[in-house]
Amino acid sequence: MSQRTTLPPHRTAGAPPAAREPAHVPVADVVRGGLVEGVHHGSVVVLAADGSVAFQAGDIEAAFYPRSALKPVQAVGLLRAGLPPLDDPSLALVAASHSGEERHLATTRGILAAGDLTEDELRNVPDLPYDPAERDEWLRRGLGPTRLAQNCSGKHAAMLLTCRTRGWDLDGYLDPGHPLQRELAATVEDLTGQGIARVTVDGCGAPLFSVSLHGLTRAAARLATAAPGTEEGRVAHAMRTHPEMVSGSRRDVARLVRAVPGLLAKDGFEGVQIAALPDGRAVGVKIADGGDRARMPVTAAALARCGVDPGVLAPFATTPVIGGGTPVGSLRATKALAP
């Protein structure tokens, strides 16, 4: 893969965010027996329906890597680049970090078959299913890591199908200089409204574009408010109607989407979360230490600032802290995040 670390900004994009050490702040407390035992730092942004910043904590303008929270934007980029029409479950899987359930594997096979492609042509890293129950069953059956089971296989299958449709080289589809990746970079810059600060390699092997948390959240709002039939609207509709394809049947993001009407949401490794409502209110979360346990309580607090019913958010607002097999405290957002 090319060692390219920067890309020229798309002509409609603003300047890239600053590549600096982010000034994160406390966003979640770990409380055990009435005392704060630990603190997670991070950054949070809440956008109003008009796109203005309604609340922020930490550093929302520093360049960072969105990880898989960028996949909905990349899915839009694939449609713009010529990805053939897919049904909604398949399109949702293109934006997914899936759990490795059989429906995820079967749908990925279907995307590959649409281009007369095989699993051998995937270039993502082989892995076991992401969901612990699926992984245990996989191992019980004596199966090992595969590219199909890896949580990004839907995106990679769609990348290959797009290349097949456009007549582009298949072997080099993960190179940042490949026509496909340059098209995806242009979509990232268009929807975030800013240039890409750095390009590196994601865990699955695909190019990973750095933007700011503010820019990423702005892109989520653009998808959530998009008109039906547009590329953005098609991805948003697929993700809203098939959240278990975007994650999995036992994942907190799918439950959150089912609980909040019209919500668009996507998580990413290293403690990243975006969520956006149909009127453009949106939140972005980055947990500095990458701790996934703080991601959802902080997201729930941010959504409460968007006016989402606290009763609906209650199951997501805290995580139990266990002592001796029973709850003795909780992980919760800091008081500074409360509406």
C-alpha atoms as a PDB file:
ATOM      1  CA  MET A   1       0.000   0.000   0.000  1.00  0.00           C
ATOM      2  CA  SER A   2       1.134   3.540  -0.713  1.00  0.00           C
ATOM      3  CA  GLN A   3       2.670   5.434   2.186  1.00  0.00           C
ATOM      4  CA  ARG A   4       0.681   8.543   1.280  1.00  0.00           C
ATOM      5  CA  THR A   5      -0.330  10.381   4.486  1.00  0.00           C
ATOM      6  CA  THR A   6      -2.131  13.412   3.076  1.00  0.00           C
ATOM      7  CA  LEU A   7      -4.456  14.089   0.172  1.00  0.00           C
ATOM      8  CA  PRO A   8      -5.089  17.342  -1.674  1.00  0.00           C
ATOM      9  CA  PRO A   9      -8.360  18.826  -0.389  1.00  0.00           C
ATOM     10  CA  HIS A  10     -11.469  18.414  -2.506  1.00  0.00           C
ATOM     11  CA  ARG A  11     -12.195  21.679  -4.221  1.00  0.00           C
ATOM     12  CA  THR A  12     -15.400  22.266  -2.211  1.00  0.00           C
ATOM     13  CA  ALA A  13     -13.887  21.340   1.154  1.00  0.00           C
ATOM     14  CA  GLY A  14     -12.558  23.659   3.800  1.00  0.00           C
ATOM     15  CA  ALA A  15      -9.125  23.439   5.339  1.00  0.00           C
ATOM     16  CA  PRO A  16      -8.113  20.195   7.079  1.00  0.00           C
ATOM     17  CA  PRO A  17      -8.436  20.160  10.879  1.00  0.00           C
ATOM     18  CA  ALA A  18      -5.296  20.752  12.912  1.00  0.00           C
ATOM     19  CA  ALA A  19      -3.194  17.666  13.628  1.00  0.00           C
ATOM     20  CA  ARG A  20      -2.469  18.314  17.294  1.00  0.00           C
ATOM     21  CA  GLU A  21      -2.710  16.571  20.630  1.00  0.00           C
ATOM     22  CA  PRO A  22      -6.422  16.873  21.488  1.00  0.00           C
ATOM     23  CA  ALA A  23      -7.419  18.669  24.693  1.00  0.00           C
ATOM     24  CA  HIS A  24      -9.844  16.102  26.044  1.00  0.00           C
ATOM     25  CA  VAL A  25     -11.788  16.635  29.297  1.00  0.00           C
ATOM     26  CA  PRO A  26     -13.493  14.327  31.820  1.00  0.00           C
ATOM     27  CA  VAL A  27     -16.694  12.926  30.299  1.00  0.00           C
ATOM     28  CA  ALA A  28     -17.499   9.807  32.363  1.00  0.00           C
ATOM     29  CA  ASP A  29     -17.063   8.752  35.989  1.00  0.00           C
ATOM     30  CA  VAL A  30     -16.659   5.202  37.249  1.00  0.00           C
ATOM     31  CA  VAL A  31     -18.369   5.170  40.643  1.00  0.00           C
ATOM     32  CA  ARG A  32     -17.856   2.265  43.075  1.00  0.00           C
ATOM     33  CA  GLY A  33     -19.406   2.330  46.531  1.00  0.00           C
ATOM     34  CA  GLY A  34     -20.202   6.026  46.300  1.00  0.00           C
ATOM     35  CA  LEU A  35     -16.668   7.097  45.330  1.00  0.00           C
ATOM     36  CA  VAL A  36     -15.310   8.040  41.921  1.00  0.00           C
ATOM     37  CA  GLU A  37     -12.876   5.217  41.211  1.00  0.00           C
ATOM     38  CA  GLY A  38     -11.927   6.164  37.649  1.00  0.00           C
ATOM     39  CA  VAL A  39     -12.478   8.860  35.045  1.00  0.00           C
ATOM     40  CA  HIS A  40     -12.710   8.585  31.270  1.00  0.00           C
ATOM     41  CA  HIS A  41     -11.655  11.672  29.311  1.00  0.00           C
ATOM     42  CA  GLY A  42     -12.937  12.533  25.864  1.00  0.00           C
ATOM     43  CA  SER A  43     -14.676  15.071  23.674  1.00  0.00           C
ATOM     44  CA  VAL A  44     -18.352  15.601  22.849  1.00  0.00           C
ATOM     45  CA  VAL A  45     -20.190  17.792  20.365  1.00  0.00           C
ATOM     46  CA  VAL A  46     -23.949  18.395  20.087  1.00  0.00           C
ATOM     47  CA  LEU A  47     -25.294  20.082  16.957  1.00  0.00           C
ATOM     48  CA  ALA A  48     -28.590  21.966  16.822  1.00  0.00           C
ATOM     49  CA  ALA A  49     -31.005  21.416  13.947  1.00  0.00           C
ATOM     50  CA  ASP A  50     -29.563  24.436  12.107  1.00  0.00           C
ATOM     51  CA  GLY A  51     -26.070  22.931  12.267  1.00  0.00           C
ATOM     52  CA  SER A  52     -24.733  25.257  14.937  1.00  0.00           C
ATOM     53  CA  VAL A  53     -22.833  23.883  17.934  1.00  0.00           C
ATOM     54  CA  ALA A  54     -25.307  23.682  20.828  1.00  0.00           C
ATOM     55  CA  PHE A  55     -22.823  22.112  23.245  1.00  0.00           C
ATOM     56  CA  GLN A  56     -19.234  21.040  23.246  1.00  0.00           C
ATOM     57  CA  ALA A  57     -16.781  19.542  25.698  1.00  0.00           C
ATOM     58  CA  GLY A  58     -13.142  18.857  25.066  1.00  0.00           C
ATOM     59  CA  ASP A  59     -11.544  19.330  21.663  1.00  0.00           C
ATOM     60  CA  ILE A  60     -13.997  18.916  18.788  1.00  0.00           C
ATOM     61  CA  GLU A  61     -11.785  20.514  16.124  1.00  0.00           C
ATOM     62  CA  ALA A  62      -8.568  18.475  16.370  1.00  0.00           C
ATOM     63  CA  ALA A  63      -7.928  15.882  13.671  1.00  0.00           C
ATOM     64  CA  PHE A  64      -8.734  12.333  14.773  1.00  0.00           C
ATOM     65  CA  TYR A  65      -9.492   8.967  13.216  1.00  0.00           C
ATOM     66  CA  PRO A  66     -13.243   8.182  13.202  1.00  0.00           C
ATOM     67  CA  ARG A  67     -12.575   4.476  12.658  1.00  0.00           C
ATOM     68  CA  SER A  68     -15.766   2.630  11.665  1.00  0.00           C
ATOM     69  CA  ALA A  69     -17.986   5.599  12.525  1.00  0.00           C
ATOM     70  CA  LEU A  70     -16.930   6.858   9.088  1.00  0.00           C
ATOM     71  CA  LYS A  71     -18.501   3.889   7.293  1.00  0.00           C
ATOM     72  CA  PRO A  72     -21.869   5.574   6.572  1.00  0.00           C
ATOM     73  CA  VAL A  73     -19.980   8.344   4.777  1.00  0.00           C
ATOM     74  CA  GLN A  74     -17.942   5.785   2.859  1.00  0.00           C
ATOM     75  CA  ALA A  75     -21.165   3.983   1.906  1.00  0.00           C
ATOM     76  CA  VAL A  76     -22.431   7.233   0.374  1.00  0.00           C
ATOM     77  CA  GLY A  77     -19.113   7.525  -1.445  1.00  0.00           C
ATOM     78  CA  LEU A  78     -19.495   4.024  -2.860  1.00  0.00           C
ATOM     79  CA  LEU A  79     -22.940   4.880  -4.233  1.00  0.00           C
ATOM     80  CA  ARG A  80     -21.533   8.049  -5.778  1.00  0.00           C
ATOM     81  CA  ALA A  81     -18.678   6.028  -7.263  1.00  0.00           C
ATOM     82  CA  GLY A  82     -21.039   3.607  -8.998  1.00  0.00           C
ATOM     83  CA  LEU A  83     -21.991   0.870  -6.527  1.00  0.00           C
ATOM     84  CA  PRO A  84     -24.921  -0.922  -8.214  1.00  0.00           C
ATOM     85  CA  PRO A  85     -28.346  -0.790  -6.536  1.00  0.00           C
ATOM     86  CA  LEU A  86     -28.604  -3.001  -3.454  1.00  0.00           C
ATOM     87  CA  ASP A  87     -31.580  -3.854  -1.280  1.00  0.00           C
ATOM     88  CA  ASP A  88     -31.782  -2.090   2.080  1.00  0.00           C
ATOM     89  CA  PRO A  89     -30.319  -4.905   4.217  1.00  0.00           C
ATOM     90  CA  SER A  90     -27.338  -5.151   1.887  1.00  0.00           C
ATOM     91  CA  LEU A  91     -26.788  -1.391   1.830  1.00  0.00           C
ATOM     92  CA  ALA A  92     -26.985  -1.319   5.629  1.00  0.00           C
ATOM     93  CA  LEU A  93     -24.268  -3.975   5.701  1.00  0.00           C
ATOM     94  CA  VAL A  94     -22.043  -1.794   3.505  1.00  0.00           C
ATOM     95  CA  ALA A  95     -22.049   0.738   6.386  1.00  0.00           C
ATOM     96  CA  ALA A  96     -21.639  -1.968   9.026  1.00  0.00           C
ATOM     97  CA  SER A  97     -19.245  -3.236  11.630  1.00  0.00           C
ATOM     98  CA  HIS A  98     -21.187  -6.471  11.739  1.00  0.00           C
ATOM     99  CA  SER A  99     -21.198  -9.113  14.452  1.00  0.00           C
ATOM    100  CA  GLY A 100     -20.521 -12.069  12.182  1.00  0.00           C
ATOM    101  CA  GLU A 101     -24.025 -13.530  12.387  1.00  0.00           C
ATOM    102  CA  GLU A 102     -25.096 -15.823   9.565  1.00  0.00           C
ATOM    103  CA  ARG A 103     -27.297 -13.116   8.015  1.00  0.00           C
ATOM    104  CA  HIS A 104     -24.240 -10.847   7.817  1.00  0.00           C
ATOM    105  CA  LEU A 105     -22.142 -13.524   6.142  1.00  0.00           C
ATOM    106  CA  ALA A 106     -24.900 -14.493   3.725  1.00  0.00           C
ATOM    107  CA  THR A 107     -25.522 -10.886   2.736  1.00  0.00           C
ATOM    108  CA  THR A 108     -21.812 -10.306   2.136  1.00  0.00           C
ATOM    109  CA  ARG A 109     -21.754 -13.373  -0.084  1.00  0.00           C
ATOM    110  CA  GLY A 110     -24.685 -11.899  -2.007  1.00  0.00           C
ATOM    111  CA  ILE A 111     -22.857  -8.604  -2.596  1.00  0.00           C
ATOM    112  CA  LEU A 112     -19.840 -10.513  -3.895  1.00  0.00           C
ATOM    113  CA  ALA A 113     -21.997 -12.723  -6.104  1.00  0.00           C
ATOM    114  CA  ALA A 114     -23.556  -9.644  -7.722  1.00  0.00           C
ATOM    115  CA  GLY A 115     -20.150  -8.909  -9.241  1.00  0.00           C
ATOM    116  CA  ASP A 116     -19.142 -12.533  -9.864  1.00  0.00           C
ATOM    117  CA  LEU A 117     -16.621 -12.087  -7.061  1.00  0.00           C
ATOM    118  CA  THR A 118     -15.413 -14.511  -4.394  1.00  0.00           C
ATOM    119  CA  GLU A 119     -14.230 -14.259  -0.800  1.00  0.00           C
ATOM    120  CA  ASP A 120     -10.672 -14.867  -2.038  1.00  0.00           C
ATOM    121  CA  GLU A 121     -10.702 -11.437  -3.680  1.00  0.00           C
ATOM    122  CA  LEU A 122     -11.382  -9.640  -0.397  1.00  0.00           C
ATOM    123  CA  ARG A 123      -8.324  -7.883   1.044  1.00  0.00           C
ATOM    124  CA  ASN A 124      -9.583  -7.221   4.576  1.00  0.00           C
ATOM    125  CA  VAL A 125      -7.783  -8.948   7.451  1.00  0.00           C
ATOM    126  CA  PRO A 126      -9.087 -12.434   8.353  1.00  0.00           C
ATOM    127  CA  ASP A 127     -10.733 -12.537  11.773  1.00  0.00           C
ATOM    128  CA  LEU A 128     -13.236 -14.387  13.938  1.00  0.00           C
ATOM    129  CA  PRO A 129     -16.790 -13.036  14.336  1.00  0.00           C
ATOM    130  CA  TYR A 130     -16.958  -9.884  16.473  1.00  0.00           C
ATOM    131  CA  ASP A 131     -19.887 -10.983  18.649  1.00  0.00           C
ATOM    132  CA  PRO A 132     -18.683 -13.161  21.564  1.00  0.00           C
ATOM    133  CA  ALA A 133     -21.522 -15.681  21.209  1.00  0.00           C
ATOM    134  CA  GLU A 134     -20.966 -15.978  17.467  1.00  0.00           C
ATOM    135  CA  ARG A 135     -17.212 -16.309  18.045  1.00  0.00           C
ATOM    136  CA  ASP A 136     -17.687 -19.082  20.609  1.00  0.00           C
ATOM    137  CA  GLU A 137     -19.961 -21.006  18.256  1.00  0.00           C
ATOM    138  CA  TRP A 138     -17.489 -20.472  15.409  1.00  0.00           C
ATOM    139  CA  LEU A 139     -14.669 -21.958  17.502  1.00  0.00           C
ATOM    140  CA  ARG A 140     -16.879 -24.815  18.739  1.00  0.00           C
ATOM    141  CA  ARG A 141     -17.337 -25.778  15.107  1.00  0.00           C
ATOM    142  CA  GLY A 142     -13.568 -25.792  14.626  1.00  0.00           C
ATOM    143  CA  LEU A 143     -13.546 -22.758  12.343  1.00  0.00           C
ATOM    144  CA  GLY A 144     -10.727 -20.233  12.184  1.00  0.00           C
ATOM    145  CA  PRO A 145     -10.402 -16.594  11.094  1.00  0.00           C
ATOM    146  CA  THR A 146     -11.776 -15.699   7.656  1.00  0.00           C
ATOM    147  CA  ARG A 147     -12.132 -12.520   5.649  1.00  0.00           C
ATOM    148  CA  LEU A 148     -15.887 -13.072   5.420  1.00  0.00           C
ATOM    149  CA  ALA A 149     -16.303 -13.216   9.209  1.00  0.00           C
ATOM    150  CA  GLN A 150     -14.282 -10.035   9.816  1.00  0.00           C
ATOM    151  CA  ASN A 151     -16.610  -7.180  10.780  1.00  0.00           C
ATOM    152  CA  CYS A 152     -15.771  -4.961   7.770  1.00  0.00           C
ATOM    153  CA  SER A 153     -16.395  -7.582   5.069  1.00  0.00           C
ATOM    154  CA  GLY A 154     -19.591  -5.904   3.836  1.00  0.00           C
ATOM    155  CA  LYS A 155     -17.755  -2.664   3.113  1.00  0.00           C
ATOM    156  CA  HIS A 156     -14.933  -4.507   1.377  1.00  0.00           C
ATOM    157  CA  ALA A 157     -17.342  -6.547  -0.729  1.00  0.00           C
ATOM    158  CA  ALA A 158     -19.035  -3.322  -1.837  1.00  0.00           C
ATOM    159  CA  MET A 159     -15.656  -1.781  -2.651  1.00  0.00           C
ATOM    160  CA  LEU A 160     -14.870  -4.749  -4.902  1.00  0.00           C
ATOM    161  CA  LEU A 161     -18.309  -4.635  -6.537  1.00  0.00           C
ATOM    162  CA  THR A 162     -17.882  -0.923  -7.262  1.00  0.00           C
ATOM    163  CA  CYS A 163     -14.470  -1.547  -8.807  1.00  0.00           C
ATOM    164  CA  ARG A 164     -15.891  -4.359 -10.928  1.00  0.00           C
ATOM    165  CA  THR A 165     -18.681  -2.080 -12.140  1.00  0.00           C
ATOM    166  CA  ARG A 166     -16.311   0.771 -13.004  1.00  0.00           C
ATOM    167  CA  GLY A 167     -13.664  -1.455 -14.586  1.00  0.00           C
ATOM    168  CA  TRP A 168     -11.065  -0.523 -11.975  1.00  0.00           C
ATOM    169  CA  ASP A 169      -8.234  -2.736 -10.772  1.00  0.00           C
ATOM    170  CA  LEU A 170      -9.366  -5.162  -8.062  1.00  0.00           C
ATOM    171  CA  ASP A 171      -6.056  -6.145  -6.526  1.00  0.00           C
ATOM    172  CA  GLY A 172      -5.086  -2.614  -5.514  1.00  0.00           C
ATOM    173  CA  TYR A 173      -8.457  -1.355  -4.285  1.00  0.00           C
ATOM    174  CA  LEU A 174      -7.049  -0.550  -0.818  1.00  0.00           C
ATOM    175  CA  ASP A 175      -4.283   1.741  -2.059  1.00  0.00           C
ATOM    176  CA  PRO A 176      -5.067   5.393  -1.125  1.00  0.00           C
ATOM    177  CA  GLY A 177      -4.125   6.367  -4.671  1.00  0.00           C
ATOM    178  CA  HIS A 178      -6.622   3.936  -6.249  1.00  0.00           C
ATOM    179  CA  PRO A 179      -9.480   5.668  -8.127  1.00  0.00           C
ATOM    180  CA  LEU A 180     -12.006   4.168  -5.689  1.00  0.00           C
ATOM    181  CA  GLN A 181     -10.252   5.512  -2.603  1.00  0.00           C
ATOM    182  CA  ARG A 182      -9.851   8.936  -4.160  1.00  0.00           C
ATOM    183  CA  GLU A 183     -13.590   8.994  -4.841  1.00  0.00           C
ATOM    184  CA  LEU A 184     -14.279   8.015  -1.234  1.00  0.00           C
ATOM    185  CA  ALA A 185     -11.906  10.693   0.049  1.00  0.00           C
ATOM    186  CA  ALA A 186     -13.760  13.302  -2.008  1.00  0.00           C
ATOM    187  CA  THR A 187     -17.066  12.233  -0.414  1.00  0.00           C
ATOM    188  CA  VAL A 188     -15.553  12.403   3.079  1.00  0.00           C
ATOM    189  CA  GLU A 189     -14.403  15.950   2.405  1.00  0.00           C
ATOM    190  CA  ASP A 190     -17.731  16.934   0.855  1.00  0.00           C
ATOM    191  CA  LEU A 191     -19.922  15.648   3.696  1.00  0.00           C
ATOM    192  CA  THR A 192     -17.664  16.750   6.549  1.00  0.00           C
ATOM    193  CA  GLY A 193     -17.007  20.125   4.918  1.00  0.00           C
ATOM    194  CA  GLN A 194     -13.273  19.927   5.573  1.00  0.00           C
ATOM    195  CA  GLY A 195     -10.103  18.571   4.060  1.00  0.00           C
ATOM    196  CA  ILE A 196      -8.576  15.307   5.205  1.00  0.00           C
ATOM    197  CA  ALA A 197      -5.698  15.896   7.605  1.00  0.00           C
ATOM    198  CA  ARG A 198      -4.031  12.475   7.492  1.00  0.00           C
ATOM    199  CA  VAL A 199      -4.484   9.101   5.814  1.00  0.00           C
ATOM    200  CA  THR A 200      -3.461   5.871   7.544  1.00  0.00           C
ATOM    201  CA  VAL A 201      -4.554   2.218   7.534  1.00  0.00           C
ATOM    202  CA  ASP A 202      -7.604   1.043   9.488  1.00  0.00           C
ATOM    203  CA  GLY A 203      -7.680  -2.253  11.362  1.00  0.00           C
ATOM    204  CA  CYS A 204      -9.279  -4.033   8.397  1.00  0.00           C
ATOM    205  CA  GLY A 205      -6.602  -2.786   5.989  1.00  0.00           C
ATOM    206  CA  ALA A 206      -8.627  -0.050   4.272  1.00  0.00           C
ATOM    207  CA  PRO A 207      -7.467   3.570   4.087  1.00  0.00           C
ATOM    208  CA  LEU A 208      -8.609   5.608   7.074  1.00  0.00           C
ATOM    209  CA  PHE A 209      -9.207   9.348   6.680  1.00  0.00           C
ATOM    210  CA  SER A 210      -8.827  11.750   9.592  1.00  0.00           C
ATOM    211  CA  VAL A 211     -11.250  14.634  10.090  1.00  0.00           C
ATOM    212  CA  SER A 212     -12.474  16.414  13.225  1.00  0.00           C
ATOM    213  CA  LEU A 213     -15.207  15.236  15.570  1.00  0.00           C
ATOM    214  CA  HIS A 214     -17.170  18.334  14.554  1.00  0.00           C
ATOM    215  CA  GLY A 215     -16.790  17.470  10.869  1.00  0.00           C
ATOM    216  CA  LEU A 216     -17.787  13.848  11.393  1.00  0.00           C
ATOM    217  CA  THR A 217     -20.905  14.885  13.307  1.00  0.00           C
ATOM    218  CA  ARG A 218     -21.775  17.392  10.607  1.00  0.00           C
ATOM    219  CA  ALA A 219     -21.613  14.555   8.060  1.00  0.00           C
ATOM    220  CA  ALA A 220     -23.937  12.430  10.219  1.00  0.00           C
ATOM    221  CA  ALA A 221     -26.450  15.275  10.296  1.00  0.00           C
ATOM    222  CA  ARG A 222     -26.281  15.582   6.514  1.00  0.00           C
ATOM    223  CA  LEU A 223     -27.144  11.911   6.112  1.00  0.00           C
ATOM    224  CA  ALA A 224     -29.935  12.099   8.687  1.00  0.00           C
ATOM    225  CA  THR A 225     -31.612  15.065   6.956  1.00  0.00           C
ATOM    226  CA  ALA A 226     -31.075  13.945   3.369  1.00  0.00           C
ATOM    227  CA  ALA A 227     -33.974  13.697   0.941  1.00  0.00           C
ATOM    228  CA  PRO A 228     -35.232  10.217   0.046  1.00  0.00           C
ATOM    229  CA  GLY A 229     -33.665   8.905  -3.131  1.00  0.00           C
ATOM    230  CA  THR A 230     -30.375  10.735  -2.715  1.00  0.00           C
ATOM    231  CA  GLU A 231     -27.280   8.681  -1.982  1.00  0.00           C
ATOM    232  CA  GLU A 232     -27.233  10.067   1.569  1.00  0.00           C
ATOM    233  CA  GLY A 233     -30.940   9.405   2.019  1.00  0.00           C
ATOM    234  CA  ARG A 234     -30.651   5.849   0.751  1.00  0.00           C
ATOM    235  CA  VAL A 235     -27.876   5.008   3.211  1.00  0.00           C
ATOM    236  CA  ALA A 236     -29.712   6.660   6.095  1.00  0.00           C
ATOM    237  CA  HIS A 237     -32.942   4.795   5.325  1.00  0.00           C
ATOM    238  CA  ALA A 238     -31.143   1.442   5.111  1.00  0.00           C
ATOM    239  CA  MET A 239     -29.343   2.015   8.414  1.00  0.00           C
ATOM    240  CA  ARG A 240     -32.484   3.135  10.240  1.00  0.00           C
ATOM    241  CA  THR A 241     -34.646   0.266   9.038  1.00  0.00           C
ATOM    242  CA  HIS A 242     -32.016  -2.469   9.465  1.00  0.00           C
ATOM    243  CA  PRO A 243     -29.893  -1.511  12.498  1.00  0.00           C
ATOM    244  CA  GLU A 244     -29.102  -5.158  13.254  1.00  0.00           C
ATOM    245  CA  MET A 245     -27.396  -5.345   9.861  1.00  0.00           C
ATOM    246  CA  VAL A 246     -25.300  -2.295  10.742  1.00  0.00           C
ATOM    247  CA  SER A 247     -24.139  -3.947  13.983  1.00  0.00           C
ATOM    248  CA  GLY A 248     -25.794  -7.089  15.330  1.00  0.00           C
ATOM    249  CA  SER A 249     -28.765  -8.446  17.224  1.00  0.00           C
ATOM    250  CA  ARG A 250     -27.018  -8.153  20.596  1.00  0.00           C
ATOM    251  CA  ARG A 251     -25.332  -4.759  20.072  1.00  0.00           C
ATOM    252  CA  ASP A 252     -26.164  -1.566  21.986  1.00  0.00           C
ATOM    253  CA  VAL A 253     -26.219   0.590  18.841  1.00  0.00           C
ATOM    254  CA  ALA A 254     -29.013  -1.492  17.300  1.00  0.00           C
ATOM    255  CA  ARG A 255     -31.027  -1.235  20.527  1.00  0.00           C
ATOM    256  CA  LEU A 256     -30.515   2.535  20.625  1.00  0.00           C
ATOM    257  CA  VAL A 257     -31.746   2.957  17.046  1.00  0.00           C
ATOM    258  CA  ARG A 258     -34.812   0.852  17.800  1.00  0.00           C
ATOM    259  CA  ALA A 259     -35.513   2.912  20.933  1.00  0.00           C
ATOM    260  CA  VAL A 260     -35.216   6.406  19.430  1.00  0.00           C
ATOM    261  CA  PRO A 261     -37.514   6.972  16.409  1.00  0.00           C
ATOM    262  CA  GLY A 262     -35.688   8.080  13.282  1.00  0.00           C
ATOM    263  CA  LEU A 263     -32.222   7.856  14.812  1.00  0.00           C
ATOM    264  CA  LEU A 264     -29.178   7.238  12.628  1.00  0.00           C
ATOM    265  CA  ALA A 265     -26.233   5.862  14.624  1.00  0.00           C
ATOM    266  CA  LYS A 266     -22.841   4.255  14.096  1.00  0.00           C
ATOM    267  CA  ASP A 267     -20.088   3.295  16.492  1.00  0.00           C
ATOM    268  CA  GLY A 268     -16.369   2.908  15.862  1.00  0.00           C
ATOM    269  CA  PHE A 269     -13.403   1.354  17.618  1.00  0.00           C
ATOM    270  CA  GLU A 270     -11.446   3.494  20.074  1.00  0.00           C
ATOM    271  CA  GLY A 271     -14.578   4.899  21.674  1.00  0.00           C
ATOM    272  CA  VAL A 272     -16.189   6.753  18.761  1.00  0.00           C
ATOM    273  CA  GLN A 273     -19.953   7.224  18.320  1.00  0.00           C
ATOM    274  CA  ILE A 274     -22.150   9.361  16.098  1.00  0.00           C
ATOM    275  CA  ALA A 275     -25.937   9.683  16.298  1.00  0.00           C
ATOM    276  CA  ALA A 276     -28.263  11.997  14.386  1.00  0.00           C
ATOM    277  CA  LEU A 277     -31.991  12.749  14.422  1.00  0.00           C
ATOM    278  CA  PRO A 278     -34.112  13.408  11.310  1.00  0.00           C
ATOM    279  CA  ASP A 279     -34.251  17.171  11.959  1.00  0.00           C
ATOM    280  CA  GLY A 280     -30.454  17.503  11.970  1.00  0.00           C
ATOM    281  CA  ARG A 281     -29.759  17.433  15.699  1.00  0.00           C
ATOM    282  CA  ALA A 282     -26.677  15.285  16.061  1.00  0.00           C
ATOM    283  CA  VAL A 283     -24.003  14.186  18.515  1.00  0.00           C
ATOM    284  CA  GLY A 284     -20.426  13.030  18.214  1.00  0.00           C
ATOM    285  CA  VAL A 285     -18.439  11.296  20.945  1.00  0.00           C
ATOM    286  CA  LYS A 286     -14.773  10.333  21.246  1.00  0.00           C
ATOM    287  CA  ILE A 287     -13.506   8.552  24.362  1.00  0.00           C
ATOM    288  CA  ALA A 288      -9.819   9.414  24.693  1.00  0.00           C
ATOM    289  CA  ASP A 289      -8.591   6.067  26.032  1.00  0.00           C
ATOM    290  CA  GLY A 290     -10.677   4.109  23.546  1.00  0.00           C
ATOM    291  CA  GLY A 291     -12.690   2.552  26.363  1.00  0.00           C
ATOM    292  CA  ASP A 292     -15.888   1.195  24.863  1.00  0.00           C
ATOM    293  CA  ARG A 293     -17.645   1.004  28.239  1.00  0.00           C
ATOM    294  CA  ALA A 294     -17.891   4.812  28.404  1.00  0.00           C
ATOM    295  CA  ARG A 295     -19.117   5.304  24.829  1.00  0.00           C
ATOM    296  CA  MET A 296     -22.832   4.662  25.296  1.00  0.00           C
ATOM    297  CA  PRO A 297     -23.402   6.474  28.631  1.00  0.00           C
ATOM    298  CA  VAL A 298     -21.734   9.575  27.196  1.00  0.00           C
ATOM    299  CA  THR A 299     -23.750   9.258  23.978  1.00  0.00           C
ATOM    300  CA  ALA A 300     -26.968   8.995  25.994  1.00  0.00           C
ATOM    301  CA  ALA A 301     -26.097  12.183  27.885  1.00  0.00           C
ATOM    302  CA  ALA A 302     -25.401  13.976  24.614  1.00  0.00           C
ATOM    303  CA  LEU A 303     -28.707  12.797  23.116  1.00  0.00           C
ATOM    304  CA  ALA A 304     -30.514  14.059  26.220  1.00  0.00           C
ATOM    305  CA  ARG A 305     -29.112  17.479  25.327  1.00  0.00           C
ATOM    306  CA  CYS A 306     -30.815  17.031  21.946  1.00  0.00           C
ATOM    307  CA  GLY A 307     -34.146  16.687  23.736  1.00  0.00           C
ATOM    308  CA  VAL A 308     -34.485  12.913  23.503  1.00  0.00           C
ATOM    309  CA  ASP A 309     -36.729  11.568  26.281  1.00  0.00           C
ATOM    310  CA  PRO A 310     -34.548  10.626  29.297  1.00  0.00           C
ATOM    311  CA  GLY A 311     -36.856   7.697  29.977  1.00  0.00           C
ATOM    312  CA  VAL A 312     -36.037   6.256  26.566  1.00  0.00           C
ATOM    313  CA  LEU A 313     -32.328   6.832  27.194  1.00  0.00           C
ATOM    314  CA  ALA A 314     -32.312   5.382  30.723  1.00  0.00           C
ATOM    315  CA  PRO A 315     -31.218   1.855  29.673  1.00  0.00           C
ATOM    316  CA  PHE A 316     -28.194   3.377  27.922  1.00  0.00           C
ATOM    317  CA  ALA A 317     -27.261   6.068  30.441  1.00  0.00           C
ATOM    318  CA  THR A 318     -25.316   3.930  32.921  1.00  0.00           C
ATOM    319  CA  THR A 319     -23.254   0.761  32.982  1.00  0.00           C
ATOM    320  CA  PRO A 320     -23.159  -1.305  36.196  1.00  0.00           C
ATOM    321  CA  VAL A 321     -19.927  -1.550  38.171  1.00  0.00           C
ATOM    322  CA  ILE A 322     -19.749  -5.052  39.649  1.00  0.00           C
ATOM    323  CA  GLY A 323     -18.314  -6.131  42.996  1.00  0.00           C
ATOM    324  CA  GLY A 324     -18.594  -9.684  44.264  1.00  0.00           C
ATOM    325  CA  GLY A 325     -20.982 -10.518  41.449  1.00  0.00           C
ATOM    326  CA  THR A 326     -23.493  -7.759  42.207  1.00  0.00           C
ATOM    327  CA  PRO A 327     -23.789  -4.087  41.187  1.00  0.00           C
ATOM    328  CA  VAL A 328     -21.993  -1.749  43.604  1.00  0.00           C
ATOM    329  CA  GLY A 329     -21.895   1.357  41.446  1.00  0.00           C
ATOM    330  CA  SER A 330     -22.125   2.581  37.887  1.00  0.00           C
ATOM    331  CA  LEU A 331     -20.296   4.198  35.019  1.00  0.00           C
ATOM    332  CA  ARG A 332     -22.099   7.404  34.069  1.00  0.00           C
ATOM    333  CA  ALA A 333     -21.525  10.631  32.183  1.00  0.00           C
ATOM    334  CA  THR A 334     -20.056  13.486  34.226  1.00  0.00           C
ATOM    335  CA  LYS A 335     -22.404  16.116  35.601  1.00  0.00           C
ATOM    336  CA  ALA A 336     -20.918  18.631  33.160  1.00  0.00           C
ATOM    337  CA  LEU A 337     -22.648  16.765  30.310  1.00  0.00           C
ATOM    338  CA  ALA A 338     -26.094  16.825  31.914  1.00  0.00           C
ATOM    339  CA  PRO A 339     -28.657  19.026  30.123  1.00  0.00           C
END
